C-alpha atoms as a PDB file:
ATOM      1  CA  UNK A   1       0.282  -0.252  -0.428  1.00  0.00           C
ATOM      2  CA  UNK A   2       1.557   3.664  -0.993  1.00  0.00           C
ATOM      3  CA  UNK A   3       0.870   6.600   1.524  1.00  0.00           C
ATOM      4  CA  UNK A   4       3.026  10.102   0.823  1.00  0.00           C
ATOM      5  CA  UNK A   5       4.886  12.485   3.963  1.00  0.00           C
ATOM      6  CA  UNK A   6       3.558  15.654   3.774  1.00  0.00           C
ATOM      7  CA  UNK A   7       5.498  18.967   4.098  1.00  0.00           C
ATOM      8  CA  UNK A   8       5.623  18.604   7.753  1.00  0.00           C
ATOM      9  CA  UNK A   9       7.216  15.712   7.932  1.00  0.00           C
ATOM     10  CA  UNK A  10       3.948  13.232   8.787  1.00  0.00           C
ATOM     11  CA  UNK A  11       2.729  10.200   6.884  1.00  0.00           C
ATOM     12  CA  UNK A  12      -0.684   8.526   7.388  1.00  0.00           C
ATOM     13  CA  UNK A  13      -0.807   5.268   8.448  1.00  0.00           C
ATOM     14  CA  UNK A  14      -3.734   4.015   5.602  1.00  0.00           C
ATOM     15  CA  UNK A  15      -7.525   3.879   6.445  1.00  0.00           C
ATOM     16  CA  UNK A  16      -7.854  -0.330   5.814  1.00  0.00           C
ATOM     17  CA  UNK A  17      -4.591  -0.512   7.549  1.00  0.00           C
ATOM     18  CA  UNK A  18      -6.246   2.112  10.671  1.00  0.00           C
ATOM     19  CA  UNK A  19      -9.673  -0.263  10.656  1.00  0.00           C
ATOM     20  CA  UNK A  20      -8.169  -3.612  10.428  1.00  0.00           C
ATOM     21  CA  UNK A  21      -6.419  -3.223  13.730  1.00  0.00           C
ATOM     22  CA  UNK A  22      -8.383  -0.504  15.190  1.00  0.00           C
ATOM     23  CA  UNK A  23      -6.303   2.045  15.552  1.00  0.00           C
ATOM     24  CA  UNK A  24      -7.556   5.388  17.304  1.00  0.00           C
ATOM     25  CA  UNK A  25      -6.615   9.329  16.866  1.00  0.00           C
ATOM     26  CA  UNK A  26      -3.636   9.722  19.303  1.00  0.00           C
ATOM     27  CA  UNK A  27      -2.359   6.373  19.613  1.00  0.00           C
ATOM     28  CA  UNK A  28       1.549   6.326  20.029  1.00  0.00           C
ATOM     29  CA  UNK A  29       3.503   4.418  17.480  1.00  0.00           C
ATOM     30  CA  UNK A  30       7.815   4.428  18.049  1.00  0.00           C
ATOM     31  CA  UNK A  31       9.244   3.767  14.882  1.00  0.00           C
ATOM     32  CA  UNK A  32      13.000   2.285  14.613  1.00  0.00           C
ATOM     33  CA  UNK A  33      15.463   2.586  11.832  1.00  0.00           C
ATOM     34  CA  UNK A  34      16.412  -0.569  10.158  1.00  0.00           C
ATOM     35  CA  UNK A  35      18.589   0.242   7.066  1.00  0.00           C
ATOM     36  CA  UNK A  36      18.652   2.902   5.000  1.00  0.00           C
ATOM     37  CA  UNK A  37      14.560   3.180   2.988  1.00  0.00           C
ATOM     38  CA  UNK A  38      13.519   0.999   5.503  1.00  0.00           C
ATOM     39  CA  UNK A  39      11.577   1.702   8.903  1.00  0.00           C
ATOM     40  CA  UNK A  40       9.339  -0.107  11.502  1.00  0.00           C
ATOM     41  CA  UNK A  41       6.155   0.962  12.977  1.00  0.00           C
ATOM     42  CA  UNK A  42       5.381  -0.362  16.410  1.00  0.00           C
ATOM     43  CA  UNK A  43       2.440   0.635  18.431  1.00  0.00           C
ATOM     44  CA  UNK A  44       2.834   1.366  21.813  1.00  0.00           C
ATOM     45  CA  UNK A  45       0.650  -1.047  24.099  1.00  0.00           C
ATOM     46  CA  UNK A  46      -2.366   1.062  25.767  1.00  0.00           C
ATOM     47  CA  UNK A  47      -1.544   2.685  29.471  1.00  0.00           C
ATOM     48  CA  UNK A  48      -3.508   0.859  31.968  1.00  0.00           C
ATOM     49  CA  UNK A  49      -6.504   2.726  33.159  1.00  0.00           C
ATOM     50  CA  UNK A  50      -6.099   2.444  37.008  1.00  0.00           C
ATOM     51  CA  UNK A  51      -8.662   5.896  37.642  1.00  0.00           C
ATOM     52  CA  UNK A  52      -9.962   3.470  40.053  1.00  0.00           C
ATOM     53  CA  UNK A  53      -7.272   1.470  41.327  1.00  0.00           C
ATOM     54  CA  UNK A  54      -5.288   4.949  42.501  1.00  0.00           C
ATOM     55  CA  UNK A  55      -7.791   6.533  44.215  1.00  0.00           C
ATOM     56  CA  UNK A  56      -8.993   3.736  46.445  1.00  0.00           C
ATOM     57  CA  UNK A  57      -4.991   2.874  47.479  1.00  0.00           C
ATOM     58  CA  UNK A  58      -5.462   7.383  47.606  1.00  0.00           C
ATOM     59  CA  UNK A  59      -8.239   6.286  50.757  1.00  0.00           C
ATOM     60  CA  UNK A  60      -6.382   7.733  54.020  1.00  0.00           C
ATOM     61  CA  UNK A  61      -7.128   4.750  56.273  1.00  0.00           C
ATOM     62  CA  UNK A  62      -7.805   0.800  55.957  1.00  0.00           C
ATOM     63  CA  UNK A  63     -10.675   0.312  56.323  1.00  0.00           C
ATOM     64  CA  UNK A  64     -11.923   3.568  54.976  1.00  0.00           C
ATOM     65  CA  UNK A  65     -15.351   2.518  53.072  1.00  0.00           C
ATOM     66  CA  UNK A  66     -17.705   0.560  55.015  1.00  0.00           C
ATOM     67  CA  UNK A  67     -21.172  -1.293  53.723  1.00  0.00           C
ATOM     68  CA  UNK A  68     -24.143   0.824  53.193  1.00  0.00           C
ATOM     69  CA  UNK A  69     -27.198  -0.776  54.423  1.00  0.00           C
ATOM     70  CA  UNK A  70     -29.494   0.036  50.964  1.00  0.00           C
ATOM     71  CA  UNK A  71     -33.070  -1.728  50.532  1.00  0.00           C
ATOM     72  CA  UNK A  72     -33.591  -5.208  48.017  1.00  0.00           C
ATOM     73  CA  UNK A  73     -35.380  -3.726  44.664  1.00  0.00           C
ATOM     74  CA  UNK A  74     -38.060  -7.230  45.961  1.00  0.00           C
ATOM     75  CA  UNK A  75     -39.104  -4.271  48.401  1.00  0.00           C
ATOM     76  CA  UNK A  76     -39.843  -1.808  45.905  1.00  0.00           C
END
């Protein structure tokens, strides 16, 4: 498949490849020069979604969270 380098040095990954490999805007890639005129492009692993884990580790003390009694949906 053919692509072109823009005047800003950007290379477009063809849409067919982006769709096949689920490449989304903002995803990062590593590029490696193998030889003169030969390069390898490898998608970096997505960062872990650690929002909830970080939030739990930020708790002020152990057993900070306690169960809250609630009604059952059977009584509605």
